[in-house]
Amino acid sequence: MNVDYKLIGKRIKEERKKKGFTQENLAEKLDVTVGYISQVERGITKISLDLLASISSVLGVDPALLITETAVHQDRYMEGEFFQNYSLLSAKEKQLVAGFIELILKNR
């Protein structure tokens, strides 16, 4: 799976604007340059996990929201990824998955 840094940057920018922060405000709170924030938001710079966690904290959002656009604590956060991957399976592999799901539900 490739990390889409442009999409992460776009989500950071959206959340920053929702919270009323300028790039300058955010850069100051994170002790980085405005240029760096600009590069992160445009997906030019690969954001580190540490900086992503700091940005999430400053913006008051779950880091998963910035990565996947869905907060992990939401009940259905993995459905999109599951169905996307499921659609790539052969008919036999889909039968195996269905059997596995039945087994899990039976043994709860």
PDB file of N, CA and C in Angstrom:
ATOM      1  N   MET A   1       0.841  -1.175   0.000  1.00  0.00           N
ATOM      2  CA  MET A   1       0.000   0.000   0.000  1.00  0.00           C
ATOM      3  C   MET A   1       0.891   1.245   0.000  1.00  0.00           C
ATOM      4  N   ASN A   2       0.643   2.140  -0.912  1.00  0.00           N
ATOM      5  CA  ASN A   2       1.394   3.388  -0.975  1.00  0.00           C
ATOM      6  C   ASN A   2       0.713   4.452  -0.129  1.00  0.00           C
ATOM      7  N   VAL A   3       1.511   5.257   0.525  1.00  0.00           N
ATOM      8  CA  VAL A   3       0.985   6.349   1.336  1.00  0.00           C
ATOM      9  C   VAL A   3       0.751   7.542   0.417  1.00  0.00           C
ATOM     10  N   ASP A   4      -0.449   8.097   0.454  1.00  0.00           N
ATOM     11  CA  ASP A   4      -0.796   9.253  -0.376  1.00  0.00           C
ATOM     12  C   ASP A   4      -0.574  10.524   0.454  1.00  0.00           C
ATOM     13  N   TYR A   5       0.636  11.053   0.371  1.00  0.00           N
ATOM     14  CA  TYR A   5       0.993  12.220   1.173  1.00  0.00           C
ATOM     15  C   TYR A   5       0.224  13.468   0.736  1.00  0.00           C
ATOM     16  N   LYS A   6      -0.134  13.543  -0.535  1.00  0.00           N
ATOM     17  CA  LYS A   6      -0.925  14.692  -1.004  1.00  0.00           C
ATOM     18  C   LYS A   6      -2.301  14.686  -0.361  1.00  0.00           C
ATOM     19  N   LEU A   7      -2.898  13.514  -0.246  1.00  0.00           N
ATOM     20  CA  LEU A   7      -4.213  13.403   0.367  1.00  0.00           C
ATOM     21  C   LEU A   7      -4.151  13.690   1.867  1.00  0.00           C
ATOM     22  N   ILE A   8      -3.113  13.211   2.520  1.00  0.00           N
ATOM     23  CA  ILE A   8      -2.931  13.509   3.947  1.00  0.00           C
ATOM     24  C   ILE A   8      -2.760  15.013   4.131  1.00  0.00           C
ATOM     25  N   GLY A   9      -1.933  15.627   3.283  1.00  0.00           N
ATOM     26  CA  GLY A   9      -1.738  17.077   3.357  1.00  0.00           C
ATOM     27  C   GLY A   9      -3.022  17.844   3.135  1.00  0.00           C
ATOM     28  N   LYS A  10      -3.830  17.375   2.200  1.00  0.00           N
ATOM     29  CA  LYS A  10      -5.128  18.021   1.927  1.00  0.00           C
ATOM     30  C   LYS A  10      -6.030  17.956   3.158  1.00  0.00           C
ATOM     31  N   ARG A  11      -6.039  16.803   3.806  1.00  0.00           N
ATOM     32  CA  ARG A  11      -6.867  16.645   5.011  1.00  0.00           C
ATOM     33  C   ARG A  11      -6.358  17.518   6.153  1.00  0.00           C
ATOM     34  N   ILE A  12      -5.039  17.625   6.273  1.00  0.00           N
ATOM     35  CA  ILE A  12      -4.468  18.509   7.298  1.00  0.00           C
ATOM     36  C   ILE A  12      -4.902  19.943   7.036  1.00  0.00           C
ATOM     37  N   LYS A  13      -4.816  20.369   5.791  1.00  0.00           N
ATOM     38  CA  LYS A  13      -5.211  21.729   5.418  1.00  0.00           C
ATOM     39  C   LYS A  13      -6.689  21.968   5.727  1.00  0.00           C
ATOM     40  N   GLU A  14      -7.533  21.004   5.378  1.00  0.00           N
ATOM     41  CA  GLU A  14      -8.970  21.135   5.645  1.00  0.00           C
ATOM     42  C   GLU A  14      -9.247  21.267   7.139  1.00  0.00           C
ATOM     43  N   GLU A  15      -8.615  20.421   7.932  1.00  0.00           N
ATOM     44  CA  GLU A  15      -8.820  20.465   9.388  1.00  0.00           C
ATOM     45  C   GLU A  15      -8.258  21.756   9.983  1.00  0.00           C
ATOM     46  N   ARG A  16      -7.116  22.180   9.468  1.00  0.00           N
ATOM     47  CA  ARG A  16      -6.507  23.430   9.947  1.00  0.00           C
ATOM     48  C   ARG A  16      -7.460  24.584   9.712  1.00  0.00           C
ATOM     49  N   LYS A  17      -8.036  24.640   8.522  1.00  0.00           N
ATOM     50  CA  LYS A  17      -8.961  25.729   8.189  1.00  0.00           C
ATOM     51  C   LYS A  17     -10.251  25.644   9.013  1.00  0.00           C
ATOM     52  N   LYS A  18     -10.744  24.427   9.234  1.00  0.00           N
ATOM     53  CA  LYS A  18     -11.945  24.249  10.064  1.00  0.00           C
ATOM     54  C   LYS A  18     -11.737  24.809  11.459  1.00  0.00           C
ATOM     55  N   LYS A  19     -10.514  24.638  11.974  1.00  0.00           N
ATOM     56  CA  LYS A  19     -10.195  25.090  13.332  1.00  0.00           C
ATOM     57  C   LYS A  19      -9.798  26.564  13.365  1.00  0.00           C
ATOM     58  N   GLY A  20      -9.744  27.196  12.197  1.00  0.00           N
ATOM     59  CA  GLY A  20      -9.423  28.615  12.149  1.00  0.00           C
ATOM     60  C   GLY A  20      -7.944  28.943  12.263  1.00  0.00           C
ATOM     61  N   PHE A  21      -7.089  27.956  12.027  1.00  0.00           N
ATOM     62  CA  PHE A  21      -5.649  28.187  12.074  1.00  0.00           C
ATOM     63  C   PHE A  21      -5.137  28.635  10.703  1.00  0.00           C
ATOM     64  N   THR A  22      -4.160  29.513  10.717  1.00  0.00           N
ATOM     65  CA  THR A  22      -3.404  29.809   9.507  1.00  0.00           C
ATOM     66  C   THR A  22      -2.204  28.872   9.492  1.00  0.00           C
ATOM     67  N   GLN A  23      -1.511  28.812   8.375  1.00  0.00           N
ATOM     68  CA  GLN A  23      -0.283  28.020   8.337  1.00  0.00           C
ATOM     69  C   GLN A  23       0.715  28.569   9.353  1.00  0.00           C
ATOM     70  N   GLU A  24       0.716  29.873   9.512  1.00  0.00           N
ATOM     71  CA  GLU A  24       1.634  30.505  10.466  1.00  0.00           C
ATOM     72  C   GLU A  24       1.328  30.060  11.895  1.00  0.00           C
ATOM     73  N   ASN A  25       0.034  30.058  12.259  1.00  0.00           N
ATOM     74  CA  ASN A  25      -0.361  29.623  13.608  1.00  0.00           C
ATOM     75  C   ASN A  25       0.072  28.185  13.876  1.00  0.00           C
ATOM     76  N   LEU A  26      -0.212  27.327  12.908  1.00  0.00           N
ATOM     77  CA  LEU A  26       0.114  25.918  13.070  1.00  0.00           C
ATOM     78  C   LEU A  26       1.627  25.712  13.150  1.00  0.00           C
ATOM     79  N   ALA A  27       2.351  26.382  12.276  1.00  0.00           N
ATOM     80  CA  ALA A  27       3.818  26.263  12.280  1.00  0.00           C
ATOM     81  C   ALA A  27       4.393  26.701  13.623  1.00  0.00           C
ATOM     82  N   GLU A  28       3.858  27.774  14.162  1.00  0.00           N
ATOM     83  CA  GLU A  28       4.347  28.287  15.452  1.00  0.00           C
ATOM     84  C   GLU A  28       4.098  27.279  16.563  1.00  0.00           C
ATOM     85  N   LYS A  29       2.907  26.685  16.580  1.00  0.00           N
ATOM     86  CA  LYS A  29       2.575  25.720  17.637  1.00  0.00           C
ATOM     87  C   LYS A  29       3.422  24.446  17.533  1.00  0.00           C
ATOM     88  N   LEU A  30       3.861  24.134  16.317  1.00  0.00           N
ATOM     89  CA  LEU A  30       4.644  22.918  16.096  1.00  0.00           C
ATOM     90  C   LEU A  30       6.145  23.168  16.072  1.00  0.00           C
ATOM     91  N   ASP A  31       6.512  24.433  16.137  1.00  0.00           N
ATOM     92  CA  ASP A  31       7.924  24.829  16.093  1.00  0.00           C
ATOM     93  C   ASP A  31       8.600  24.365  14.798  1.00  0.00           C
ATOM     94  N   VAL A  32       7.879  24.600  13.685  1.00  0.00           N
ATOM     95  CA  VAL A  32       8.428  24.339  12.348  1.00  0.00           C
ATOM     96  C   VAL A  32       8.198  25.600  11.514  1.00  0.00           C
ATOM     97  N   THR A  33       8.730  25.615  10.311  1.00  0.00           N
ATOM     98  CA  THR A  33       8.558  26.803   9.465  1.00  0.00           C
ATOM     99  C   THR A  33       7.230  26.742   8.714  1.00  0.00           C
ATOM    100  N   VAL A  34       6.782  27.895   8.293  1.00  0.00           N
ATOM    101  CA  VAL A  34       5.561  27.999   7.490  1.00  0.00           C
ATOM    102  C   VAL A  34       5.765  27.245   6.171  1.00  0.00           C
ATOM    103  N   GLY A  35       6.962  27.374   5.616  1.00  0.00           N
ATOM    104  CA  GLY A  35       7.276  26.675   4.379  1.00  0.00           C
ATOM    105  C   GLY A  35       7.145  25.169   4.517  1.00  0.00           C
ATOM    106  N   TYR A  36       7.530  24.658   5.680  1.00  0.00           N
ATOM    107  CA  TYR A  36       7.421  23.217   5.924  1.00  0.00           C
ATOM    108  C   TYR A  36       5.956  22.799   5.965  1.00  0.00           C
ATOM    109  N   ILE A  37       5.124  23.567   6.659  1.00  0.00           N
ATOM    110  CA  ILE A  37       3.686  23.271   6.722  1.00  0.00           C
ATOM    111  C   ILE A  37       3.098  23.304   5.312  1.00  0.00           C
ATOM    112  N   SER A  38       3.496  24.289   4.540  1.00  0.00           N
ATOM    113  CA  SER A  38       3.020  24.400   3.158  1.00  0.00           C
ATOM    114  C   SER A  38       3.399  23.157   2.358  1.00  0.00           C
ATOM    115  N   GLN A  39       4.628  22.704   2.530  1.00  0.00           N
ATOM    116  CA  GLN A  39       5.077  21.513   1.800  1.00  0.00           C
ATOM    117  C   GLN A  39       4.323  20.259   2.247  1.00  0.00           C
ATOM    118  N   VAL A  40       4.050  20.146   3.530  1.00  0.00           N
ATOM    119  CA  VAL A  40       3.285  19.004   4.043  1.00  0.00           C
ATOM    120  C   VAL A  40       1.879  19.031   3.460  1.00  0.00           C
ATOM    121  N   GLU A  41       1.244  20.203   3.470  1.00  0.00           N
ATOM    122  CA  GLU A  41      -0.123  20.318   2.973  1.00  0.00           C
ATOM    123  C   GLU A  41      -0.218  20.051   1.474  1.00  0.00           C
ATOM    124  N   ARG A  42       0.840  20.307   0.744  1.00  0.00           N
ATOM    125  CA  ARG A  42       0.844  20.038  -0.699  1.00  0.00           C
ATOM    126  C   ARG A  42       1.359  18.644  -1.029  1.00  0.00           C
ATOM    127  N   GLY A  43       1.767  17.901  -0.009  1.00  0.00           N
ATOM    128  CA  GLY A  43       2.237  16.536  -0.213  1.00  0.00           C
ATOM    129  C   GLY A  43       3.630  16.448  -0.796  1.00  0.00           C
ATOM    130  N   ILE A  44       4.375  17.538  -0.730  1.00  0.00           N
ATOM    131  CA  ILE A  44       5.738  17.569  -1.262  1.00  0.00           C
ATOM    132  C   ILE A  44       6.699  16.899  -0.290  1.00  0.00           C
ATOM    133  N   THR A  45       6.458  17.099   0.995  1.00  0.00           N
ATOM    134  CA  THR A  45       7.294  16.530   2.046  1.00  0.00           C
ATOM    135  C   THR A  45       6.566  15.356   2.683  1.00  0.00           C
ATOM    136  N   LYS A  46       7.273  14.260   2.895  1.00  0.00           N
ATOM    137  CA  LYS A  46       6.697  13.112   3.583  1.00  0.00           C
ATOM    138  C   LYS A  46       6.660  13.414   5.070  1.00  0.00           C
ATOM    139  N   ILE A  47       5.469  13.425   5.616  1.00  0.00           N
ATOM    140  CA  ILE A  47       5.292  13.772   7.028  1.00  0.00           C
ATOM    141  C   ILE A  47       5.697  12.591   7.908  1.00  0.00           C
ATOM    142  N   SER A  48       6.393  12.882   8.986  1.00  0.00           N
ATOM    143  CA  SER A  48       6.781  11.832   9.930  1.00  0.00           C
ATOM    144  C   SER A  48       5.595  11.509  10.839  1.00  0.00           C
ATOM    145  N   LEU A  49       5.647  10.337  11.453  1.00  0.00           N
ATOM    146  CA  LEU A  49       4.592   9.973  12.394  1.00  0.00           C
ATOM    147  C   LEU A  49       4.570  10.906  13.591  1.00  0.00           C
ATOM    148  N   ASP A  50       5.732  11.346  14.033  1.00  0.00           N
ATOM    149  CA  ASP A  50       5.799  12.267  15.163  1.00  0.00           C
ATOM    150  C   ASP A  50       5.095  13.578  14.832  1.00  0.00           C
ATOM    151  N   LEU A  51       5.372  14.122  13.647  1.00  0.00           N
ATOM    152  CA  LEU A  51       4.735  15.381  13.266  1.00  0.00           C
ATOM    153  C   LEU A  51       3.245  15.179  13.041  1.00  0.00           C
ATOM    154  N   LEU A  52       2.867  14.057  12.454  1.00  0.00           N
ATOM    155  CA  LEU A  52       1.443  13.775  12.255  1.00  0.00           C
ATOM    156  C   LEU A  52       0.720  13.722  13.600  1.00  0.00           C
ATOM    157  N   ALA A  53       1.332  13.089  14.580  1.00  0.00           N
ATOM    158  CA  ALA A  53       0.743  13.022  15.922  1.00  0.00           C
ATOM    159  C   ALA A  53       0.639  14.414  16.536  1.00  0.00           C
ATOM    160  N   SER A  54       1.665  15.234  16.345  1.00  0.00           N
ATOM    161  CA  SER A  54       1.638  16.601  16.887  1.00  0.00           C
ATOM    162  C   SER A  54       0.566  17.444  16.213  1.00  0.00           C
ATOM    163  N   ILE A  55       0.462  17.336  14.902  1.00  0.00           N
ATOM    164  CA  ILE A  55      -0.574  18.080  14.169  1.00  0.00           C
ATOM    165  C   ILE A  55      -1.952  17.639  14.635  1.00  0.00           C
ATOM    166  N   SER A  56      -2.147  16.329  14.774  1.00  0.00           N
ATOM    167  CA  SER A  56      -3.427  15.801  15.249  1.00  0.00           C
ATOM    168  C   SER A  56      -3.776  16.359  16.617  1.00  0.00           C
ATOM    169  N   SER A  57      -2.790  16.423  17.483  1.00  0.00           N
ATOM    170  CA  SER A  57      -2.998  16.946  18.829  1.00  0.00           C
ATOM    171  C   SER A  57      -3.377  18.424  18.791  1.00  0.00           C
ATOM    172  N   VAL A  58      -2.637  19.208  18.030  1.00  0.00           N
ATOM    173  CA  VAL A  58      -2.913  20.650  17.943  1.00  0.00           C
ATOM    174  C   VAL A  58      -4.300  20.901  17.344  1.00  0.00           C
ATOM    175  N   LEU A  59      -4.656  20.116  16.329  1.00  0.00           N
ATOM    176  CA  LEU A  59      -5.951  20.316  15.668  1.00  0.00           C
ATOM    177  C   LEU A  59      -7.097  19.612  16.394  1.00  0.00           C
ATOM    178  N   GLY A  60      -6.747  18.770  17.367  1.00  0.00           N
ATOM    179  CA  GLY A  60      -7.778  18.078  18.139  1.00  0.00           C
ATOM    180  C   GLY A  60      -8.529  17.035  17.333  1.00  0.00           C
ATOM    181  N   VAL A  61      -7.804  16.322  16.454  1.00  0.00           N
ATOM    182  CA  VAL A  61      -8.435  15.273  15.653  1.00  0.00           C
ATOM    183  C   VAL A  61      -7.674  13.962  15.819  1.00  0.00           C
ATOM    184  N   ASP A  62      -8.355  12.875  15.557  1.00  0.00           N
ATOM    185  CA  ASP A  62      -7.744  11.557  15.584  1.00  0.00           C
ATOM    186  C   ASP A  62      -6.770  11.459  14.400  1.00  0.00           C
ATOM    187  N   PRO A  63      -5.545  10.978  14.622  1.00  0.00           N
ATOM    188  CA  PRO A  63      -4.606  10.842  13.503  1.00  0.00           C
ATOM    189  C   PRO A  63      -5.174  10.002  12.357  1.00  0.00           C
ATOM    190  N   ALA A  64      -6.008   9.031  12.683  1.00  0.00           N
ATOM    191  CA  ALA A  64      -6.616   8.188  11.642  1.00  0.00           C
ATOM    192  C   ALA A  64      -7.467   9.009  10.690  1.00  0.00           C
ATOM    193  N   LEU A  65      -8.063  10.068  11.195  1.00  0.00           N
ATOM    194  CA  LEU A  65      -8.874  10.938  10.344  1.00  0.00           C
ATOM    195  C   LEU A  65      -8.010  11.573   9.265  1.00  0.00           C
ATOM    196  N   LEU A  66      -6.795  11.947   9.619  1.00  0.00           N
ATOM    197  CA  LEU A  66      -5.903  12.577   8.645  1.00  0.00           C
ATOM    198  C   LEU A  66      -5.350  11.565   7.649  1.00  0.00           C
ATOM    199  N   ILE A  67      -5.215  10.329   8.075  1.00  0.00           N
ATOM    200  CA  ILE A  67      -4.663   9.297   7.205  1.00  0.00           C
ATOM    201  C   ILE A  67      -5.742   8.673   6.331  1.00  0.00           C
ATOM    202  N   THR A  68      -6.866   8.343   6.943  1.00  0.00           N
ATOM    203  CA  THR A  68      -7.904   7.596   6.218  1.00  0.00           C
ATOM    204  C   THR A  68      -9.186   8.368   6.023  1.00  0.00           C
ATOM    205  N   GLU A  69      -9.284   9.538   6.587  1.00  0.00           N
ATOM    206  CA  GLU A  69     -10.479  10.389   6.542  1.00  0.00           C
ATOM    207  C   GLU A  69     -11.649   9.779   7.308  1.00  0.00           C
ATOM    208  N   THR A  70     -11.353   8.780   8.112  1.00  0.00           N
ATOM    209  CA  THR A  70     -12.363   8.166   8.954  1.00  0.00           C
ATOM    210  C   THR A  70     -11.725   7.890  10.306  1.00  0.00           C
ATOM    211  N   ALA A  71     -12.365   8.345  11.344  1.00  0.00           N
ATOM    212  CA  ALA A  71     -11.827   8.093  12.679  1.00  0.00           C
ATOM    213  C   ALA A  71     -11.955   6.613  13.012  1.00  0.00           C
ATOM    214  N   VAL A  72     -10.927   6.047  13.617  1.00  0.00           N
ATOM    215  CA  VAL A  72     -10.891   4.625  13.943  1.00  0.00           C
ATOM    216  C   VAL A  72     -12.023   4.240  14.878  1.00  0.00           C
ATOM    217  N   HIS A  73     -12.452   5.132  15.740  1.00  0.00           N
ATOM    218  CA  HIS A  73     -13.483   4.773  16.707  1.00  0.00           C
ATOM    219  C   HIS A  73     -14.877   4.694  16.083  1.00  0.00           C
ATOM    220  N   GLN A  74     -15.021   5.082  14.824  1.00  0.00           N
ATOM    221  CA  GLN A  74     -16.303   4.935  14.162  1.00  0.00           C
ATOM    222  C   GLN A  74     -16.537   3.461  13.858  1.00  0.00           C
ATOM    223  N   ASP A  75     -17.779   3.024  13.989  1.00  0.00           N
ATOM    224  CA  ASP A  75     -18.106   1.614  13.854  1.00  0.00           C
ATOM    225  C   ASP A  75     -17.721   1.009  12.506  1.00  0.00           C
ATOM    226  N   ARG A  76     -17.824   1.743  11.431  1.00  0.00           N
ATOM    227  CA  ARG A  76     -17.670   1.172  10.105  1.00  0.00           C
ATOM    228  C   ARG A  76     -16.420   1.674   9.384  1.00  0.00           C
ATOM    229  N   TYR A  77     -15.382   2.000  10.115  1.00  0.00           N
ATOM    230  CA  TYR A  77     -14.220   2.635   9.520  1.00  0.00           C
ATOM    231  C   TYR A  77     -13.466   1.774   8.522  1.00  0.00           C
ATOM    232  N   MET A  78     -13.576   0.456   8.617  1.00  0.00           N
ATOM    233  CA  MET A  78     -12.810  -0.410   7.716  1.00  0.00           C
ATOM    234  C   MET A  78     -13.619  -0.963   6.550  1.00  0.00           C
ATOM    235  N   GLU A  79     -14.893  -0.664   6.485  1.00  0.00           N
ATOM    236  CA  GLU A  79     -15.724  -1.265   5.452  1.00  0.00           C
ATOM    237  C   GLU A  79     -15.243  -0.941   4.049  1.00  0.00           C
ATOM    238  N   GLY A  80     -14.913   0.297   3.787  1.00  0.00           N
ATOM    239  CA  GLY A  80     -14.471   0.677   2.450  1.00  0.00           C
ATOM    240  C   GLY A  80     -13.250  -0.109   2.019  1.00  0.00           C
ATOM    241  N   GLU A  81     -12.256  -0.178   2.897  1.00  0.00           N
ATOM    242  CA  GLU A  81     -11.030  -0.910   2.580  1.00  0.00           C
ATOM    243  C   GLU A  81     -11.321  -2.400   2.418  1.00  0.00           C
ATOM    244  N   PHE A  82     -12.182  -2.939   3.286  1.00  0.00           N
ATOM    245  CA  PHE A  82     -12.518  -4.361   3.197  1.00  0.00           C
ATOM    246  C   PHE A  82     -13.160  -4.677   1.857  1.00  0.00           C
ATOM    247  N   PHE A  83     -14.173  -3.915   1.463  1.00  0.00           N
ATOM    248  CA  PHE A  83     -14.875  -4.198   0.217  1.00  0.00           C
ATOM    249  C   PHE A  83     -13.997  -3.957  -1.005  1.00  0.00           C
ATOM    250  N   GLN A  84     -13.112  -2.995  -0.910  1.00  0.00           N
ATOM    251  CA  GLN A  84     -12.180  -2.758  -2.017  1.00  0.00           C
ATOM    252  C   GLN A  84     -11.266  -3.974  -2.189  1.00  0.00           C
ATOM    253  N   ASN A  85     -10.720  -4.468  -1.094  1.00  0.00           N
ATOM    254  CA  ASN A  85      -9.855  -5.643  -1.162  1.00  0.00           C
ATOM    255  C   ASN A  85     -10.640  -6.898  -1.545  1.00  0.00           C
ATOM    256  N   TYR A  86     -11.847  -7.029  -1.025  1.00  0.00           N
ATOM    257  CA  TYR A  86     -12.692  -8.185  -1.316  1.00  0.00           C
ATOM    258  C   TYR A  86     -12.986  -8.270  -2.808  1.00  0.00           C
ATOM    259  N   SER A  87     -13.197  -7.128  -3.425  1.00  0.00           N
ATOM    260  CA  SER A  87     -13.515  -7.123  -4.860  1.00  0.00           C
ATOM    261  C   SER A  87     -12.359  -7.634  -5.718  1.00  0.00           C
ATOM    262  N   LEU A  88     -11.152  -7.646  -5.168  1.00  0.00           N
ATOM    263  CA  LEU A  88      -9.977  -8.109  -5.911  1.00  0.00           C
ATOM    264  C   LEU A  88      -9.778  -9.621  -5.819  1.00  0.00           C
ATOM    265  N   LEU A  89     -10.564 -10.278  -4.967  1.00  0.00           N
ATOM    266  CA  LEU A  89     -10.398 -11.715  -4.750  1.00  0.00           C
ATOM    267  C   LEU A  89     -11.070 -12.528  -5.852  1.00  0.00           C
ATOM    268  N   SER A  90     -10.553 -13.735  -6.043  1.00  0.00           N
ATOM    269  CA  SER A  90     -11.192 -14.682  -6.970  1.00  0.00           C
ATOM    270  C   SER A  90     -12.445 -15.237  -6.290  1.00  0.00           C
ATOM    271  N   ALA A  91     -13.261 -15.939  -7.049  1.00  0.00           N
ATOM    272  CA  ALA A  91     -14.487 -16.528  -6.496  1.00  0.00           C
ATOM    273  C   ALA A  91     -14.152 -17.509  -5.377  1.00  0.00           C
ATOM    274  N   LYS A  92     -13.114 -18.300  -5.564  1.00  0.00           N
ATOM    275  CA  LYS A  92     -12.712 -19.274  -4.538  1.00  0.00           C
ATOM    276  C   LYS A  92     -12.244 -18.558  -3.268  1.00  0.00           C
ATOM    277  N   GLU A  93     -11.470 -17.500  -3.436  1.00  0.00           N
ATOM    278  CA  GLU A  93     -10.987 -16.735  -2.276  1.00  0.00           C
ATOM    279  C   GLU A  93     -12.153 -16.068  -1.547  1.00  0.00           C
ATOM    280  N   LYS A  94     -13.154 -15.607  -2.283  1.00  0.00           N
ATOM    281  CA  LYS A  94     -14.341 -15.009  -1.655  1.00  0.00           C
ATOM    282  C   LYS A  94     -15.089 -16.045  -0.828  1.00  0.00           C
ATOM    283  N   GLN A  95     -15.148 -17.277  -1.326  1.00  0.00           N
ATOM    284  CA  GLN A  95     -15.785 -18.357  -0.561  1.00  0.00           C
ATOM    285  C   GLN A  95     -15.026 -18.620   0.732  1.00  0.00           C
ATOM    286  N   LEU A  96     -13.710 -18.592   0.663  1.00  0.00           N
ATOM    287  CA  LEU A  96     -12.898 -18.787   1.873  1.00  0.00           C
ATOM    288  C   LEU A  96     -13.155 -17.686   2.897  1.00  0.00           C
ATOM    289  N   VAL A  97     -13.223 -16.452   2.428  1.00  0.00           N
ATOM    290  CA  VAL A  97     -13.492 -15.326   3.325  1.00  0.00           C
ATOM    291  C   VAL A  97     -14.869 -15.476   3.960  1.00  0.00           C
ATOM    292  N   ALA A  98     -15.866 -15.834   3.151  1.00  0.00           N
ATOM    293  CA  ALA A  98     -17.221 -16.018   3.680  1.00  0.00           C
ATOM    294  C   ALA A  98     -17.235 -17.114   4.743  1.00  0.00           C
ATOM    295  N   GLY A  99     -16.520 -18.202   4.495  1.00  0.00           N
ATOM    296  CA  GLY A  99     -16.445 -19.283   5.477  1.00  0.00           C
ATOM    297  C   GLY A  99     -15.755 -18.843   6.753  1.00  0.00           C
ATOM    298  N   PHE A 100     -14.709 -18.061   6.604  1.00  0.00           N
ATOM    299  CA  PHE A 100     -13.984 -17.544   7.763  1.00  0.00           C
ATOM    300  C   PHE A 100     -14.877 -16.636   8.602  1.00  0.00           C
ATOM    301  N   ILE A 101     -15.636 -15.782   7.948  1.00  0.00           N
ATOM    302  CA  ILE A 101     -16.555 -14.880   8.658  1.00  0.00           C
ATOM    303  C   ILE A 101     -17.612 -15.692   9.405  1.00  0.00           C
ATOM    304  N   GLU A 102     -18.170 -16.707   8.746  1.00  0.00           N
ATOM    305  CA  GLU A 102     -19.163 -17.564   9.397  1.00  0.00           C
ATOM    306  C   GLU A 102     -18.569 -18.235  10.639  1.00  0.00           C
ATOM    307  N   LEU A 103     -17.338 -18.702  10.514  1.00  0.00           N
ATOM    308  CA  LEU A 103     -16.652 -19.356  11.641  1.00  0.00           C
ATOM    309  C   LEU A 103     -16.470 -18.378  12.811  1.00  0.00           C
ATOM    310  N   ILE A 104     -16.072 -17.162  12.511  1.00  0.00           N
ATOM    311  CA  ILE A 104     -15.899 -16.152  13.565  1.00  0.00           C
ATOM    312  C   ILE A 104     -17.221 -15.876  14.251  1.00  0.00           C
ATOM    313  N   LEU A 105     -18.281 -15.683  13.469  1.00  0.00           N
ATOM    314  CA  LEU A 105     -19.593 -15.374  14.054  1.00  0.00           C
ATOM    315  C   LEU A 105     -20.145 -16.539  14.882  1.00  0.00           C
ATOM    316  N   LYS A 106     -19.872 -17.740  14.452  1.00  0.00           N
ATOM    317  CA  LYS A 106     -20.352 -18.926  15.164  1.00  0.00           C
ATOM    318  C   LYS A 106     -19.646 -19.095  16.517  1.00  0.00           C
ATOM    319  N   ASN A 107     -18.390 -18.643  16.590  1.00  0.00           N
ATOM    320  CA  ASN A 107     -17.577 -18.878  17.777  1.00  0.00           C
ATOM    321  C   ASN A 107     -17.379 -17.628  18.631  1.00  0.00           C
ATOM    322  N   ARG A 108     -18.277 -16.733  18.576  1.00  0.00           N
ATOM    323  CA  ARG A 108     -18.170 -15.509  19.404  1.00  0.00           C
ATOM    324  C   ARG A 108     -18.313 -15.824  20.861  1.00  0.00           C
TER     325      ARG A 108
END
